[in-house]
């Protein structure tokens, strides 16, 4: 049963649904934001060797520099 309040107008129910949808989305966003805190970069932490491999794959460093930095990281 839907109640009609003075001043609610013909589309009052529509705005009420929009309001509760906004509240629901805000709660979900807050929960996701809180759960992502402390997980690093979007929940995936990269170690230095992974970053070095990515730089080599993109061509930012050559093989000689890659091998030298790899030895430095693993020693």
PDB file of N, CA and C in Angstrom:
ATOM      1  N   UNK A   1       0.849  -1.170   0.000  1.00  0.00           N
ATOM      2  CA  UNK A   1       0.000   0.000   0.000  1.00  0.00           C
ATOM      3  C   UNK A   1       0.896   1.236   0.000  1.00  0.00           C
ATOM      4  N   UNK A   2       0.591   2.159  -0.847  1.00  0.00           N
ATOM      5  CA  UNK A   2       1.380   3.368  -0.961  1.00  0.00           C
ATOM      6  C   UNK A   2       0.610   4.535  -0.363  1.00  0.00           C
ATOM      7  N   UNK A   3       1.276   5.260   0.490  1.00  0.00           N
ATOM      8  CA  UNK A   3       0.646   6.414   1.136  1.00  0.00           C
ATOM      9  C   UNK A   3       0.958   7.671   0.351  1.00  0.00           C
ATOM     10  N   UNK A   4       0.020   8.565   0.351  1.00  0.00           N
ATOM     11  CA  UNK A   4       0.214   9.830  -0.343  1.00  0.00           C
ATOM     12  C   UNK A   4       0.310  10.928   0.691  1.00  0.00           C
ATOM     13  N   UNK A   5       1.387  11.679   0.658  1.00  0.00           N
ATOM     14  CA  UNK A   5       1.601  12.785   1.582  1.00  0.00           C
ATOM     15  C   UNK A   5       1.365  14.096   0.844  1.00  0.00           C
ATOM     16  N   UNK A   6       0.835  15.076   1.523  1.00  0.00           N
ATOM     17  CA  UNK A   6       0.645  16.386   0.876  1.00  0.00           C
ATOM     18  C   UNK A   6       1.979  16.935   0.379  1.00  0.00           C
ATOM     19  N   UNK A   7       1.989  17.451  -0.796  1.00  0.00           N
ATOM     20  CA  UNK A   7       3.197  18.010  -1.379  1.00  0.00           C
ATOM     21  C   UNK A   7       4.079  16.969  -2.053  1.00  0.00           C
ATOM     22  N   UNK A   8       3.691  15.717  -1.971  1.00  0.00           N
ATOM     23  CA  UNK A   8       4.496  14.655  -2.547  1.00  0.00           C
ATOM     24  C   UNK A   8       4.417  14.687  -4.072  1.00  0.00           C
ATOM     25  N   UNK A   9       3.314  15.067  -4.595  1.00  0.00           N
ATOM     26  CA  UNK A   9       3.171  15.178  -6.034  1.00  0.00           C
ATOM     27  C   UNK A   9       2.989  13.833  -6.692  1.00  0.00           C
ATOM     28  N   UNK A  10       2.797  13.877  -7.970  1.00  0.00           N
ATOM     29  CA  UNK A  10       2.536  12.670  -8.738  1.00  0.00           C
ATOM     30  C   UNK A  10       3.764  11.773  -8.832  1.00  0.00           C
ATOM     31  N   UNK A  11       4.954  12.372  -8.878  1.00  0.00           N
ATOM     32  CA  UNK A  11       6.181  11.600  -9.061  1.00  0.00           C
ATOM     33  C   UNK A  11       6.978  11.458  -7.776  1.00  0.00           C
ATOM     34  N   UNK A  12       6.367  11.646  -6.650  1.00  0.00           N
ATOM     35  CA  UNK A  12       7.062  11.526  -5.372  1.00  0.00           C
ATOM     36  C   UNK A  12       7.642  10.146  -5.153  1.00  0.00           C
ATOM     37  N   UNK A  13       6.920   9.125  -5.550  1.00  0.00           N
ATOM     38  CA  UNK A  13       7.420   7.757  -5.387  1.00  0.00           C
ATOM     39  C   UNK A  13       8.685   7.531  -6.197  1.00  0.00           C
ATOM     40  N   UNK A  14       8.772   8.168  -7.367  1.00  0.00           N
ATOM     41  CA  UNK A  14       9.951   8.027  -8.220  1.00  0.00           C
ATOM     42  C   UNK A  14      11.184   8.600  -7.531  1.00  0.00           C
ATOM     43  N   UNK A  15      11.044   9.782  -6.943  1.00  0.00           N
ATOM     44  CA  UNK A  15      12.173  10.407  -6.264  1.00  0.00           C
ATOM     45  C   UNK A  15      12.549   9.626  -5.002  1.00  0.00           C
ATOM     46  N   UNK A  16      11.577   8.989  -4.359  1.00  0.00           N
ATOM     47  CA  UNK A  16      11.865   8.178  -3.197  1.00  0.00           C
ATOM     48  C   UNK A  16      12.700   6.960  -3.607  1.00  0.00           C
ATOM     49  N   UNK A  17      12.368   6.347  -4.721  1.00  0.00           N
ATOM     50  CA  UNK A  17      13.136   5.207  -5.217  1.00  0.00           C
ATOM     51  C   UNK A  17      14.551   5.648  -5.585  1.00  0.00           C
ATOM     52  N   UNK A  18      14.666   6.781  -6.246  1.00  0.00           N
ATOM     53  CA  UNK A  18      15.981   7.322  -6.602  1.00  0.00           C
ATOM     54  C   UNK A  18      16.797   7.582  -5.343  1.00  0.00           C
ATOM     55  N   UNK A  19      16.191   8.149  -4.319  1.00  0.00           N
ATOM     56  CA  UNK A  19      16.876   8.442  -3.062  1.00  0.00           C
ATOM     57  C   UNK A  19      17.416   7.155  -2.425  1.00  0.00           C
ATOM     58  N   UNK A  20      16.584   6.105  -2.337  1.00  0.00           N
ATOM     59  CA  UNK A  20      17.031   4.869  -1.708  1.00  0.00           C
ATOM     60  C   UNK A  20      18.076   4.160  -2.571  1.00  0.00           C
ATOM     61  N   UNK A  21      17.998   4.288  -3.866  1.00  0.00           N
ATOM     62  CA  UNK A  21      19.029   3.721  -4.741  1.00  0.00           C
ATOM     63  C   UNK A  21      20.358   4.436  -4.504  1.00  0.00           C
ATOM     64  N   UNK A  22      20.311   5.752  -4.337  1.00  0.00           N
ATOM     65  CA  UNK A  22      21.515   6.523  -4.040  1.00  0.00           C
ATOM     66  C   UNK A  22      22.126   6.079  -2.717  1.00  0.00           C
ATOM     67  N   UNK A  23      21.305   5.907  -1.698  1.00  0.00           N
ATOM     68  CA  UNK A  23      21.791   5.465  -0.392  1.00  0.00           C
ATOM     69  C   UNK A  23      22.439   4.091  -0.513  1.00  0.00           C
ATOM     70  N   UNK A  24      21.817   3.179  -1.239  1.00  0.00           N
ATOM     71  CA  UNK A  24      22.357   1.832  -1.416  1.00  0.00           C
ATOM     72  C   UNK A  24      23.706   1.867  -2.138  1.00  0.00           C
ATOM     73  N   UNK A  25      23.798   2.640  -3.196  1.00  0.00           N
ATOM     74  CA  UNK A  25      25.054   2.754  -3.941  1.00  0.00           C
ATOM     75  C   UNK A  25      26.140   3.369  -3.060  1.00  0.00           C
ATOM     76  N   UNK A  26      25.787   4.366  -2.261  1.00  0.00           N
ATOM     77  CA  UNK A  26      26.765   4.995  -1.367  1.00  0.00           C
ATOM     78  C   UNK A  26      27.275   3.994  -0.336  1.00  0.00           C
ATOM     79  N   UNK A  27      26.408   3.172   0.211  1.00  0.00           N
ATOM     80  CA  UNK A  27      26.827   2.175   1.193  1.00  0.00           C
ATOM     81  C   UNK A  27      27.746   1.141   0.553  1.00  0.00           C
ATOM     82  N   UNK A  28      27.409   0.687  -0.638  1.00  0.00           N
ATOM     83  CA  UNK A  28      28.249  -0.287  -1.341  1.00  0.00           C
ATOM     84  C   UNK A  28      29.615   0.317  -1.657  1.00  0.00           C
ATOM     85  N   UNK A  29      29.636   1.564  -2.118  1.00  0.00           N
ATOM     86  CA  UNK A  29      30.906   2.234  -2.427  1.00  0.00           C
ATOM     87  C   UNK A  29      31.752   2.389  -1.170  1.00  0.00           C
ATOM     88  N   UNK A  30      31.127   2.727  -0.057  1.00  0.00           N
ATOM     89  CA  UNK A  30      31.859   2.875   1.204  1.00  0.00           C
ATOM     90  C   UNK A  30      32.453   1.543   1.650  1.00  0.00           C
ATOM     91  N   UNK A  31      31.704   0.472   1.529  1.00  0.00           N
ATOM     92  CA  UNK A  31      32.205  -0.850   1.911  1.00  0.00           C
ATOM     93  C   UNK A  31      33.380  -1.256   1.021  1.00  0.00           C
ATOM     94  N   UNK A  32      33.260  -1.023  -0.276  1.00  0.00           N
ATOM     95  CA  UNK A  32      34.363  -1.362  -1.188  1.00  0.00           C
ATOM     96  C   UNK A  32      35.596  -0.520  -0.908  1.00  0.00           C
ATOM     97  N   UNK A  33      35.405   0.759  -0.580  1.00  0.00           N
ATOM     98  CA  UNK A  33      36.537   1.637  -0.287  1.00  0.00           C
ATOM     99  C   UNK A  33      37.234   1.195   0.993  1.00  0.00           C
ATOM    100  N   UNK A  34      36.463   0.857   2.012  1.00  0.00           N
ATOM    101  CA  UNK A  34      37.049   0.418   3.277  1.00  0.00           C
ATOM    102  C   UNK A  34      37.788  -0.905   3.086  1.00  0.00           C
ATOM    103  N   UNK A  35      37.228  -1.812   2.310  1.00  0.00           N
ATOM    104  CA  UNK A  35      37.879  -3.106   2.116  1.00  0.00           C
ATOM    105  C   UNK A  35      39.145  -2.988   1.279  1.00  0.00           C
ATOM    106  N   UNK A  36      39.260  -1.961   0.455  1.00  0.00           N
ATOM    107  CA  UNK A  36      40.454  -1.806  -0.378  1.00  0.00           C
ATOM    108  C   UNK A  36      41.585  -1.079   0.354  1.00  0.00           C
ATOM    109  N   UNK A  37      41.296  -0.478   1.492  1.00  0.00           N
ATOM    110  CA  UNK A  37      42.329   0.227   2.247  1.00  0.00           C
ATOM    111  C   UNK A  37      43.336  -0.778   2.790  1.00  0.00           C
ATOM    112  N   UNK A  38      44.609  -0.464   2.645  1.00  0.00           N
ATOM    113  CA  UNK A  38      45.642  -1.330   3.177  1.00  0.00           C
ATOM    114  C   UNK A  38      46.003  -2.493   2.275  1.00  0.00           C
ATOM    115  N   UNK A  39      45.392  -2.605   1.117  1.00  0.00           N
ATOM    116  CA  UNK A  39      45.705  -3.696   0.201  1.00  0.00           C
ATOM    117  C   UNK A  39      46.741  -3.298  -0.835  1.00  0.00           C
ATOM    118  N   UNK A  40      47.351  -2.168  -0.680  1.00  0.00           N
ATOM    119  CA  UNK A  40      48.334  -1.737  -1.671  1.00  0.00           C
ATOM    120  C   UNK A  40      47.648  -1.096  -2.853  1.00  0.00           C
ATOM    121  N   UNK A  41      48.203  -1.326  -4.006  1.00  0.00           N
ATOM    122  CA  UNK A  41      47.692  -0.733  -5.239  1.00  0.00           C
ATOM    123  C   UNK A  41      46.583  -1.613  -5.802  1.00  0.00           C
ATOM    124  N   UNK A  42      45.332  -1.278  -5.469  1.00  0.00           N
ATOM    125  CA  UNK A  42      44.160  -2.045  -5.910  1.00  0.00           C
ATOM    126  C   UNK A  42      44.254  -3.521  -5.528  1.00  0.00           C
ATOM    127  N   UNK A  43      44.840  -3.791  -4.397  1.00  0.00           N
ATOM    128  CA  UNK A  43      44.909  -5.164  -3.923  1.00  0.00           C
ATOM    129  C   UNK A  43      46.025  -5.985  -4.536  1.00  0.00           C
ATOM    130  N   UNK A  44      46.819  -5.396  -5.416  1.00  0.00           N
ATOM    131  CA  UNK A  44      47.922  -6.142  -6.015  1.00  0.00           C
ATOM    132  C   UNK A  44      49.217  -5.400  -5.736  1.00  0.00           C
ATOM    133  N   UNK A  45      50.042  -6.009  -4.914  1.00  0.00           N
ATOM    134  CA  UNK A  45      51.336  -5.399  -4.626  1.00  0.00           C
ATOM    135  C   UNK A  45      52.369  -6.030  -5.539  1.00  0.00           C
ATOM    136  N   UNK A  46      53.149  -5.184  -6.188  1.00  0.00           N
ATOM    137  CA  UNK A  46      54.178  -5.668  -7.096  1.00  0.00           C
ATOM    138  C   UNK A  46      55.524  -5.596  -6.392  1.00  0.00           C
ATOM    139  N   UNK A  47      56.317  -6.613  -6.580  1.00  0.00           N
ATOM    140  CA  UNK A  47      57.650  -6.566  -5.997  1.00  0.00           C
ATOM    141  C   UNK A  47      58.606  -5.929  -7.009  1.00  0.00           C
ATOM    142  N   UNK A  48      59.786  -5.528  -6.567  1.00  0.00           N
ATOM    143  CA  UNK A  48      60.722  -4.829  -7.470  1.00  0.00           C
ATOM    144  C   UNK A  48      61.118  -5.638  -8.696  1.00  0.00           C
ATOM    145  N   UNK A  49      61.225  -6.955  -8.547  1.00  0.00           N
ATOM    146  CA  UNK A  49      61.611  -7.774  -9.695  1.00  0.00           C
ATOM    147  C   UNK A  49      60.528  -7.767 -10.768  1.00  0.00           C
ATOM    148  N   UNK A  50      59.269  -7.777 -10.362  1.00  0.00           N
ATOM    149  CA  UNK A  50      58.166  -7.691 -11.330  1.00  0.00           C
ATOM    150  C   UNK A  50      58.196  -6.364 -12.076  1.00  0.00           C
ATOM    151  N   UNK A  51      58.465  -5.288 -11.354  1.00  0.00           N
ATOM    152  CA  UNK A  51      58.550  -3.965 -11.985  1.00  0.00           C
ATOM    153  C   UNK A  51      59.699  -3.939 -12.984  1.00  0.00           C
ATOM    154  N   UNK A  52      60.843  -4.540 -12.593  1.00  0.00           N
ATOM    155  CA  UNK A  52      61.993  -4.596 -13.486  1.00  0.00           C
ATOM    156  C   UNK A  52      61.668  -5.379 -14.759  1.00  0.00           C
ATOM    157  N   UNK A  53      60.972  -6.501 -14.611  1.00  0.00           N
ATOM    158  CA  UNK A  53      60.580  -7.299 -15.773  1.00  0.00           C
ATOM    159  C   UNK A  53      59.642  -6.521 -16.686  1.00  0.00           C
ATOM    160  N   UNK A  54      58.724  -5.759 -16.101  1.00  0.00           N
ATOM    161  CA  UNK A  54      57.812  -4.947 -16.908  1.00  0.00           C
ATOM    162  C   UNK A  54      58.571  -3.872 -17.683  1.00  0.00           C
ATOM    163  N   UNK A  55      59.529  -3.233 -17.023  1.00  0.00           N
ATOM    164  CA  UNK A  55      60.322  -2.200 -17.711  1.00  0.00           C
ATOM    165  C   UNK A  55      61.115  -2.795 -18.870  1.00  0.00           C
ATOM    166  N   UNK A  56      61.652  -3.993 -18.668  1.00  0.00           N
ATOM    167  CA  UNK A  56      62.391  -4.671 -19.736  1.00  0.00           C
ATOM    168  C   UNK A  56      61.447  -5.039 -20.883  1.00  0.00           C
ATOM    169  N   UNK A  57      60.268  -5.525 -20.544  1.00  0.00           N
ATOM    170  CA  UNK A  57      59.297  -5.911 -21.570  1.00  0.00           C
ATOM    171  C   UNK A  57      58.840  -4.698 -22.384  1.00  0.00           C
ATOM    172  N   UNK A  58      58.735  -3.541 -21.749  1.00  0.00           N
ATOM    173  CA  UNK A  58      58.321  -2.334 -22.473  1.00  0.00           C
ATOM    174  C   UNK A  58      59.467  -1.714 -23.275  1.00  0.00           C
ATOM    175  N   UNK A  59      60.679  -2.196 -23.052  1.00  0.00           N
ATOM    176  CA  UNK A  59      61.821  -1.667 -23.791  1.00  0.00           C
ATOM    177  C   UNK A  59      62.445  -0.446 -23.156  1.00  0.00           C
ATOM    178  N   UNK A  60      62.121  -0.175 -21.917  1.00  0.00           N
ATOM    179  CA  UNK A  60      62.694   0.989 -21.240  1.00  0.00           C
ATOM    180  C   UNK A  60      64.161   0.762 -20.881  1.00  0.00           C
ATOM    181  N   UNK A  61      64.534  -0.493 -20.659  1.00  0.00           N
ATOM    182  CA  UNK A  61      65.925  -0.827 -20.351  1.00  0.00           C
ATOM    183  C   UNK A  61      66.358  -1.961 -21.270  1.00  0.00           C
ATOM    184  N   UNK A  62      67.675  -2.042 -21.502  1.00  0.00           N
ATOM    185  CA  UNK A  62      68.184  -3.113 -22.354  1.00  0.00           C
ATOM    186  C   UNK A  62      68.540  -4.338 -21.509  1.00  0.00           C
ATOM    187  N   UNK A  63      68.964  -5.408 -22.204  1.00  0.00           N
ATOM    188  CA  UNK A  63      69.238  -6.680 -21.526  1.00  0.00           C
ATOM    189  C   UNK A  63      70.378  -6.551 -20.519  1.00  0.00           C
ATOM    190  N   UNK A  64      71.406  -5.805 -20.860  1.00  0.00           N
ATOM    191  CA  UNK A  64      72.561  -5.646 -19.969  1.00  0.00           C
ATOM    192  C   UNK A  64      72.132  -4.959 -18.667  1.00  0.00           C
ATOM    193  N   UNK A  65      71.380  -3.889 -18.802  1.00  0.00           N
ATOM    194  CA  UNK A  65      70.908  -3.168 -17.621  1.00  0.00           C
ATOM    195  C   UNK A  65      69.940  -4.029 -16.807  1.00  0.00           C
ATOM    196  N   UNK A  66      69.099  -4.801 -17.507  1.00  0.00           N
ATOM    197  CA  UNK A  66      68.164  -5.694 -16.824  1.00  0.00           C
ATOM    198  C   UNK A  66      68.916  -6.726 -15.986  1.00  0.00           C
ATOM    199  N   UNK A  67      69.905  -7.371 -16.581  1.00  0.00           N
ATOM    200  CA  UNK A  67      70.669  -8.403 -15.868  1.00  0.00           C
ATOM    201  C   UNK A  67      71.396  -7.805 -14.662  1.00  0.00           C
ATOM    202  N   UNK A  68      71.968  -6.615 -14.829  1.00  0.00           N
ATOM    203  CA  UNK A  68      72.690  -5.979 -13.727  1.00  0.00           C
ATOM    204  C   UNK A  68      71.736  -5.658 -12.574  1.00  0.00           C
ATOM    205  N   UNK A  69      70.607  -5.072 -12.889  1.00  0.00           N
ATOM    206  CA  UNK A  69      69.643  -4.717 -11.843  1.00  0.00           C
ATOM    207  C   UNK A  69      69.033  -5.971 -11.201  1.00  0.00           C
ATOM    208  N   UNK A  70      68.868  -7.017 -11.998  1.00  0.00           N
ATOM    209  CA  UNK A  70      68.350  -8.271 -11.462  1.00  0.00           C
ATOM    210  C   UNK A  70      69.331  -8.871 -10.446  1.00  0.00           C
ATOM    211  N   UNK A  71      70.627  -8.836 -10.794  1.00  0.00           N
ATOM    212  CA  UNK A  71      71.643  -9.326  -9.855  1.00  0.00           C
ATOM    213  C   UNK A  71      71.641  -8.477  -8.579  1.00  0.00           C
ATOM    214  N   UNK A  72      71.499  -7.179  -8.729  1.00  0.00           N
ATOM    215  CA  UNK A  72      71.474  -6.306  -7.549  1.00  0.00           C
ATOM    216  C   UNK A  72      70.272  -6.612  -6.655  1.00  0.00           C
ATOM    217  N   UNK A  73      69.153  -6.897  -7.256  1.00  0.00           N
ATOM    218  CA  UNK A  73      67.941  -7.164  -6.469  1.00  0.00           C
ATOM    219  C   UNK A  73      67.963  -8.530  -5.790  1.00  0.00           C
ATOM    220  N   UNK A  74      68.541  -9.519  -6.464  1.00  0.00           N
ATOM    221  CA  UNK A  74      68.522 -10.871  -5.907  1.00  0.00           C
ATOM    222  C   UNK A  74      69.681 -11.140  -4.963  1.00  0.00           C
ATOM    223  N   UNK A  75      70.668 -10.268  -4.901  1.00  0.00           N
ATOM    224  CA  UNK A  75      71.807 -10.518  -4.005  1.00  0.00           C
ATOM    225  C   UNK A  75      71.573  -9.957  -2.620  1.00  0.00           C
TER     226      UNK A  75
END
